[in-house]
């Protein structure tokens, strides 16, 4: 059983931090996401891999102590954050703003909700160890969060596809991590199906 005192805050941080990417996306366009994620990769590689600890990186290690798993801190801290930054960077380069916002929301909401619900109320386990309850909750909540960006049918379709990616991912390998696969996979899925995405009316974008 994973430590709930670590996992719940960790996943809440996951949801809120990724959803916050919508702010620069709407204000400055998708190029801002490319810049932010590119800088994140350049920062994470040396600081995490070499475990650089000084006055300039102290804030980073405080966050790591709060939201990172103990086994990851010992091996390679923020490995999944690196996967996320890589996935979002690639997605921001390839896909337009309307598709990118769906990638961001699906990466934030599905995984976070599925994990939290699975940890708290999951009773029925899938072969990969994830719960049926968590997967269903992830699909439902992700569908709701996608409604400002596309209609109900496509929101549900994208959420089911996100569930498939999540359940075939492998967090032990960074190149199979859901934080890398979901944004890229969802973006390709939306593009191939030509899903009619829209920008929400309550935001203004310069893109």
C-alpha atoms as a PDB file:
ATOM      1  CA  UNK A   1       0.000   0.000   0.000  1.00  0.00           C
ATOM      2  CA  UNK A   2       1.471   3.313  -1.039  1.00  0.00           C
ATOM      3  CA  UNK A   3       1.837   6.094   1.536  1.00  0.00           C
ATOM      4  CA  UNK A   4      -1.369   8.147   1.313  1.00  0.00           C
ATOM      5  CA  UNK A   5       0.280  11.091   3.070  1.00  0.00           C
ATOM      6  CA  UNK A   6       2.666  11.319   0.133  1.00  0.00           C
ATOM      7  CA  UNK A   7       0.508  10.119  -2.753  1.00  0.00           C
ATOM      8  CA  UNK A   8      -2.574  12.315  -2.220  1.00  0.00           C
ATOM      9  CA  UNK A   9      -0.656  15.638  -2.018  1.00  0.00           C
ATOM     10  CA  UNK A  10       1.549  14.415  -4.854  1.00  0.00           C
ATOM     11  CA  UNK A  11      -1.411  13.844  -7.165  1.00  0.00           C
ATOM     12  CA  UNK A  12      -3.152  17.067  -6.122  1.00  0.00           C
ATOM     13  CA  UNK A  13       0.068  18.902  -6.989  1.00  0.00           C
ATOM     14  CA  UNK A  14       0.127  16.986 -10.282  1.00  0.00           C
ATOM     15  CA  UNK A  15      -3.405  18.114 -11.180  1.00  0.00           C
ATOM     16  CA  UNK A  16      -3.037  21.766 -10.192  1.00  0.00           C
ATOM     17  CA  UNK A  17       0.457  22.318 -11.584  1.00  0.00           C
ATOM     18  CA  UNK A  18      -0.368  20.855 -14.995  1.00  0.00           C
ATOM     19  CA  UNK A  19      -3.716  22.655 -15.255  1.00  0.00           C
ATOM     20  CA  UNK A  20      -1.871  25.906 -14.500  1.00  0.00           C
ATOM     21  CA  UNK A  21      -0.185  25.534 -17.906  1.00  0.00           C
ATOM     22  CA  UNK A  22      -3.484  26.684 -19.414  1.00  0.00           C
ATOM     23  CA  UNK A  23      -2.800  30.204 -18.117  1.00  0.00           C
ATOM     24  CA  UNK A  24       0.334  30.920 -20.203  1.00  0.00           C
ATOM     25  CA  UNK A  25      -1.192  28.949 -23.077  1.00  0.00           C
ATOM     26  CA  UNK A  26      -4.192  31.295 -23.288  1.00  0.00           C
ATOM     27  CA  UNK A  27      -2.253  34.464 -22.518  1.00  0.00           C
ATOM     28  CA  UNK A  28       0.787  33.975 -24.725  1.00  0.00           C
ATOM     29  CA  UNK A  29       0.076  31.033 -27.025  1.00  0.00           C
ATOM     30  CA  UNK A  30       1.595  27.588 -27.337  1.00  0.00           C
ATOM     31  CA  UNK A  31       5.133  28.933 -27.807  1.00  0.00           C
ATOM     32  CA  UNK A  32       5.116  29.839 -24.108  1.00  0.00           C
ATOM     33  CA  UNK A  33       4.558  26.170 -23.246  1.00  0.00           C
ATOM     34  CA  UNK A  34       7.469  25.171 -25.477  1.00  0.00           C
ATOM     35  CA  UNK A  35       9.716  27.663 -23.679  1.00  0.00           C
ATOM     36  CA  UNK A  36       8.570  26.696 -20.177  1.00  0.00           C
ATOM     37  CA  UNK A  37       8.866  22.970 -20.793  1.00  0.00           C
ATOM     38  CA  UNK A  38      12.201  23.363 -22.559  1.00  0.00           C
ATOM     39  CA  UNK A  39      13.576  25.314 -19.599  1.00  0.00           C
ATOM     40  CA  UNK A  40      12.147  22.711 -17.244  1.00  0.00           C
ATOM     41  CA  UNK A  41      14.009  19.918 -19.042  1.00  0.00           C
ATOM     42  CA  UNK A  42      17.251  21.911 -19.023  1.00  0.00           C
ATOM     43  CA  UNK A  43      16.845  22.539 -15.299  1.00  0.00           C
ATOM     44  CA  UNK A  44      15.779  19.055 -14.253  1.00  0.00           C
ATOM     45  CA  UNK A  45      18.496  17.129 -16.070  1.00  0.00           C
ATOM     46  CA  UNK A  46      21.534  18.535 -14.249  1.00  0.00           C
ATOM     47  CA  UNK A  47      19.880  19.399 -10.921  1.00  0.00           C
ATOM     48  CA  UNK A  48      18.155  16.030 -10.449  1.00  0.00           C
ATOM     49  CA  UNK A  49      20.735  13.763 -12.070  1.00  0.00           C
ATOM     50  CA  UNK A  50      23.718  15.391 -10.357  1.00  0.00           C
ATOM     51  CA  UNK A  51      21.680  16.210  -7.224  1.00  0.00           C
ATOM     52  CA  UNK A  52      22.853  19.818  -7.188  1.00  0.00           C
ATOM     53  CA  UNK A  53      21.891  21.366  -3.858  1.00  0.00           C
ATOM     54  CA  UNK A  54      22.651  25.013  -3.146  1.00  0.00           C
ATOM     55  CA  UNK A  55      20.877  28.281  -2.355  1.00  0.00           C
ATOM     56  CA  UNK A  56      19.606  28.544  -5.921  1.00  0.00           C
ATOM     57  CA  UNK A  57      18.026  25.093  -5.944  1.00  0.00           C
ATOM     58  CA  UNK A  58      16.826  24.880  -2.329  1.00  0.00           C
ATOM     59  CA  UNK A  59      13.220  25.732  -3.314  1.00  0.00           C
ATOM     60  CA  UNK A  60      13.236  22.836  -5.769  1.00  0.00           C
ATOM     61  CA  UNK A  61      14.394  20.287  -3.203  1.00  0.00           C
ATOM     62  CA  UNK A  62      11.760  21.491  -0.722  1.00  0.00           C
ATOM     63  CA  UNK A  63       9.070  20.714  -3.298  1.00  0.00           C
ATOM     64  CA  UNK A  64      10.688  17.345  -4.018  1.00  0.00           C
ATOM     65  CA  UNK A  65      10.618  16.432  -0.318  1.00  0.00           C
ATOM     66  CA  UNK A  66       6.904  17.246  -0.178  1.00  0.00           C
ATOM     67  CA  UNK A  67       5.612  15.557  -3.326  1.00  0.00           C
ATOM     68  CA  UNK A  68       8.154  12.982  -4.507  1.00  0.00           C
ATOM     69  CA  UNK A  69       8.198   9.307  -3.601  1.00  0.00           C
ATOM     70  CA  UNK A  70      11.027   8.236  -1.322  1.00  0.00           C
ATOM     71  CA  UNK A  71      12.314   5.616  -3.753  1.00  0.00           C
ATOM     72  CA  UNK A  72      12.471   8.208  -6.532  1.00  0.00           C
ATOM     73  CA  UNK A  73      14.375  10.659  -4.332  1.00  0.00           C
ATOM     74  CA  UNK A  74      17.037   7.995  -3.790  1.00  0.00           C
ATOM     75  CA  UNK A  75      17.320   7.100  -7.485  1.00  0.00           C
ATOM     76  CA  UNK A  76      16.413  10.033  -9.735  1.00  0.00           C
ATOM     77  CA  UNK A  77      14.202  12.772  -8.287  1.00  0.00           C
ATOM     78  CA  UNK A  78      11.542  14.294 -10.555  1.00  0.00           C
ATOM     79  CA  UNK A  79      11.975  11.619 -13.218  1.00  0.00           C
ATOM     80  CA  UNK A  80       8.253  11.765 -13.973  1.00  0.00           C
ATOM     81  CA  UNK A  81       8.392  15.560 -14.105  1.00  0.00           C
ATOM     82  CA  UNK A  82      11.089  15.158 -16.750  1.00  0.00           C
ATOM     83  CA  UNK A  83       8.789  12.827 -18.704  1.00  0.00           C
ATOM     84  CA  UNK A  84       5.985  15.373 -18.374  1.00  0.00           C
ATOM     85  CA  UNK A  85       8.127  18.272 -19.554  1.00  0.00           C
ATOM     86  CA  UNK A  86       9.339  16.237 -22.530  1.00  0.00           C
ATOM     87  CA  UNK A  87       5.807  15.163 -23.459  1.00  0.00           C
ATOM     88  CA  UNK A  88       4.392  18.666 -23.158  1.00  0.00           C
ATOM     89  CA  UNK A  89       7.290  20.178 -25.087  1.00  0.00           C
ATOM     90  CA  UNK A  90       6.787  17.777 -27.993  1.00  0.00           C
ATOM     91  CA  UNK A  91       3.018  18.312 -27.902  1.00  0.00           C
ATOM     92  CA  UNK A  92       3.369  22.106 -27.885  1.00  0.00           C
ATOM     93  CA  UNK A  93       5.586  21.938 -30.968  1.00  0.00           C
ATOM     94  CA  UNK A  94       3.391  19.521 -32.939  1.00  0.00           C
ATOM     95  CA  UNK A  95      -0.212  20.399 -32.076  1.00  0.00           C
ATOM     96  CA  UNK A  96      -2.237  23.609 -32.277  1.00  0.00           C
ATOM     97  CA  UNK A  97      -3.601  25.449 -29.242  1.00  0.00           C
ATOM     98  CA  UNK A  98      -7.034  23.807 -29.368  1.00  0.00           C
ATOM     99  CA  UNK A  99      -5.572  20.313 -29.320  1.00  0.00           C
ATOM    100  CA  UNK A 100      -2.834  21.204 -26.842  1.00  0.00           C
ATOM    101  CA  UNK A 101      -5.357  22.341 -24.226  1.00  0.00           C
ATOM    102  CA  UNK A 102      -7.026  18.918 -24.421  1.00  0.00           C
ATOM    103  CA  UNK A 103      -3.608  17.266 -23.996  1.00  0.00           C
ATOM    104  CA  UNK A 104      -2.928  19.378 -20.908  1.00  0.00           C
ATOM    105  CA  UNK A 105      -6.294  18.717 -19.260  1.00  0.00           C
ATOM    106  CA  UNK A 106      -6.216  14.968 -19.939  1.00  0.00           C
ATOM    107  CA  UNK A 107      -2.686  14.618 -18.580  1.00  0.00           C
ATOM    108  CA  UNK A 108      -3.592  16.551 -15.438  1.00  0.00           C
ATOM    109  CA  UNK A 109      -7.033  15.232 -14.605  1.00  0.00           C
ATOM    110  CA  UNK A 110      -7.228  11.585 -15.624  1.00  0.00           C
ATOM    111  CA  UNK A 111      -4.087  10.311 -13.937  1.00  0.00           C
ATOM    112  CA  UNK A 112      -4.539  12.424 -10.820  1.00  0.00           C
ATOM    113  CA  UNK A 113      -8.177  11.519 -10.260  1.00  0.00           C
ATOM    114  CA  UNK A 114      -7.720   7.834 -11.126  1.00  0.00           C
ATOM    115  CA  UNK A 115      -4.856   7.484  -8.662  1.00  0.00           C
ATOM    116  CA  UNK A 116      -6.562   9.333  -5.796  1.00  0.00           C
ATOM    117  CA  UNK A 117      -9.849   7.445  -6.172  1.00  0.00           C
ATOM    118  CA  UNK A 118      -7.999   4.157  -6.591  1.00  0.00           C
ATOM    119  CA  UNK A 119      -5.988   4.702  -3.420  1.00  0.00           C
ATOM    120  CA  UNK A 120      -8.968   5.765  -1.315  1.00  0.00           C
ATOM    121  CA  UNK A 121     -11.771   3.589  -2.643  1.00  0.00           C
ATOM    122  CA  UNK A 122     -10.305   1.098  -5.104  1.00  0.00           C
ATOM    123  CA  UNK A 123     -11.496  -2.454  -4.408  1.00  0.00           C
ATOM    124  CA  UNK A 124     -11.221  -4.201  -7.768  1.00  0.00           C
ATOM    125  CA  UNK A 125      -7.769  -4.421  -9.310  1.00  0.00           C
ATOM    126  CA  UNK A 126      -6.815  -4.655 -12.966  1.00  0.00           C
ATOM    127  CA  UNK A 127      -3.895  -6.922 -14.019  1.00  0.00           C
ATOM    128  CA  UNK A 128      -1.551  -3.911 -13.945  1.00  0.00           C
ATOM    129  CA  UNK A 129      -2.448  -3.167 -10.317  1.00  0.00           C
ATOM    130  CA  UNK A 130      -4.586  -0.131 -11.046  1.00  0.00           C
ATOM    131  CA  UNK A 131      -8.180  -0.073  -9.886  1.00  0.00           C
ATOM    132  CA  UNK A 132     -11.434  -0.292 -11.819  1.00  0.00           C
ATOM    133  CA  UNK A 133     -12.919   2.399  -9.576  1.00  0.00           C
ATOM    134  CA  UNK A 134     -10.023   4.753 -10.256  1.00  0.00           C
ATOM    135  CA  UNK A 135     -10.215   4.187 -14.009  1.00  0.00           C
ATOM    136  CA  UNK A 136     -13.961   4.887 -14.081  1.00  0.00           C
ATOM    137  CA  UNK A 137     -13.562   8.027 -11.954  1.00  0.00           C
ATOM    138  CA  UNK A 138     -10.738   9.195 -14.204  1.00  0.00           C
ATOM    139  CA  UNK A 139     -12.887   8.806 -17.318  1.00  0.00           C
ATOM    140  CA  UNK A 140     -15.885  10.568 -15.745  1.00  0.00           C
ATOM    141  CA  UNK A 141     -13.990  13.541 -14.290  1.00  0.00           C
ATOM    142  CA  UNK A 142     -11.786  13.918 -17.352  1.00  0.00           C
ATOM    143  CA  UNK A 143     -14.914  13.993 -19.524  1.00  0.00           C
ATOM    144  CA  UNK A 144     -16.403  16.754 -17.364  1.00  0.00           C
ATOM    145  CA  UNK A 145     -13.216  18.820 -17.489  1.00  0.00           C
ATOM    146  CA  UNK A 146     -13.039  18.493 -21.285  1.00  0.00           C
ATOM    147  CA  UNK A 147     -16.577  19.791 -21.881  1.00  0.00           C
ATOM    148  CA  UNK A 148     -15.467  23.455 -22.251  1.00  0.00           C
ATOM    149  CA  UNK A 149     -13.204  22.360 -25.120  1.00  0.00           C
ATOM    150  CA  UNK A 150     -15.329  19.923 -27.138  1.00  0.00           C
ATOM    151  CA  UNK A 151     -18.748  18.252 -26.999  1.00  0.00           C
ATOM    152  CA  UNK A 152     -19.779  15.392 -24.715  1.00  0.00           C
ATOM    153  CA  UNK A 153     -19.243  12.575 -27.211  1.00  0.00           C
ATOM    154  CA  UNK A 154     -15.685  13.594 -28.049  1.00  0.00           C
ATOM    155  CA  UNK A 155     -14.894  14.405 -24.407  1.00  0.00           C
ATOM    156  CA  UNK A 156     -15.902  10.868 -23.474  1.00  0.00           C
ATOM    157  CA  UNK A 157     -14.018   9.391 -26.430  1.00  0.00           C
ATOM    158  CA  UNK A 158     -10.800  11.203 -25.518  1.00  0.00           C
ATOM    159  CA  UNK A 159     -11.203  10.177 -21.877  1.00  0.00           C
ATOM    160  CA  UNK A 160     -11.575   6.500 -22.796  1.00  0.00           C
ATOM    161  CA  UNK A 161      -8.483   6.736 -24.994  1.00  0.00           C
ATOM    162  CA  UNK A 162      -6.589   8.419 -22.156  1.00  0.00           C
ATOM    163  CA  UNK A 163      -7.603   5.497 -19.938  1.00  0.00           C
ATOM    164  CA  UNK A 164      -6.136   3.052 -22.447  1.00  0.00           C
ATOM    165  CA  UNK A 165      -2.827   4.932 -22.528  1.00  0.00           C
ATOM    166  CA  UNK A 166      -2.728   5.148 -18.742  1.00  0.00           C
ATOM    167  CA  UNK A 167      -3.285   1.430 -18.348  1.00  0.00           C
ATOM    168  CA  UNK A 168      -0.550   0.402 -20.803  1.00  0.00           C
ATOM    169  CA  UNK A 169       2.009   2.885 -19.488  1.00  0.00           C
ATOM    170  CA  UNK A 170       4.913   1.907 -17.251  1.00  0.00           C
ATOM    171  CA  UNK A 171       6.149   4.488 -14.751  1.00  0.00           C
ATOM    172  CA  UNK A 172       9.348   2.485 -14.182  1.00  0.00           C
ATOM    173  CA  UNK A 173      10.586   3.509 -17.645  1.00  0.00           C
ATOM    174  CA  UNK A 174      10.590   7.238 -18.415  1.00  0.00           C
ATOM    175  CA  UNK A 175       9.867   6.679 -22.118  1.00  0.00           C
ATOM    176  CA  UNK A 176       6.746   4.673 -21.212  1.00  0.00           C
ATOM    177  CA  UNK A 177       5.639   7.019 -18.423  1.00  0.00           C
ATOM    178  CA  UNK A 178       2.032   8.207 -18.659  1.00  0.00           C
ATOM    179  CA  UNK A 179       3.167  11.828 -18.316  1.00  0.00           C
ATOM    180  CA  UNK A 180       5.018  11.431 -21.605  1.00  0.00           C
ATOM    181  CA  UNK A 181       2.579   9.166 -23.442  1.00  0.00           C
ATOM    182  CA  UNK A 182      -0.730  10.856 -22.566  1.00  0.00           C
ATOM    183  CA  UNK A 183      -0.097  14.354 -23.998  1.00  0.00           C
ATOM    184  CA  UNK A 184       1.492  13.020 -27.183  1.00  0.00           C
ATOM    185  CA  UNK A 185      -0.978  10.138 -27.583  1.00  0.00           C
ATOM    186  CA  UNK A 186      -4.047  12.291 -26.953  1.00  0.00           C
ATOM    187  CA  UNK A 187      -2.767  14.923 -29.370  1.00  0.00           C
ATOM    188  CA  UNK A 188      -2.262  12.350 -32.128  1.00  0.00           C
ATOM    189  CA  UNK A 189      -5.673  10.811 -31.374  1.00  0.00           C
ATOM    190  CA  UNK A 190      -7.447  14.181 -31.601  1.00  0.00           C
ATOM    191  CA  UNK A 191      -5.591  15.101 -34.787  1.00  0.00           C
ATOM    192  CA  UNK A 192      -6.246  11.799 -36.570  1.00  0.00           C
ATOM    193  CA  UNK A 193      -9.948  11.876 -35.675  1.00  0.00           C
ATOM    194  CA  UNK A 194     -10.115  15.619 -36.422  1.00  0.00           C
ATOM    195  CA  UNK A 195     -11.893  16.214 -33.127  1.00  0.00           C
ATOM    196  CA  UNK A 196     -13.696  19.588 -33.200  1.00  0.00           C
ATOM    197  CA  UNK A 197     -11.925  21.370 -30.353  1.00  0.00           C
ATOM    198  CA  UNK A 198     -12.677  24.955 -29.362  1.00  0.00           C
ATOM    199  CA  UNK A 199     -11.194  27.586 -27.097  1.00  0.00           C
ATOM    200  CA  UNK A 200     -13.310  28.329 -23.999  1.00  0.00           C
ATOM    201  CA  UNK A 201     -15.173  31.621 -24.218  1.00  0.00           C
ATOM    202  CA  UNK A 202     -13.925  32.907 -20.861  1.00  0.00           C
ATOM    203  CA  UNK A 203     -10.308  33.108 -22.007  1.00  0.00           C
ATOM    204  CA  UNK A 204      -8.568  35.358 -24.479  1.00  0.00           C
ATOM    205  CA  UNK A 205      -5.620  34.042 -26.436  1.00  0.00           C
ATOM    206  CA  UNK A 206      -2.935  35.735 -28.510  1.00  0.00           C
ATOM    207  CA  UNK A 207      -2.136  32.516 -30.386  1.00  0.00           C
END
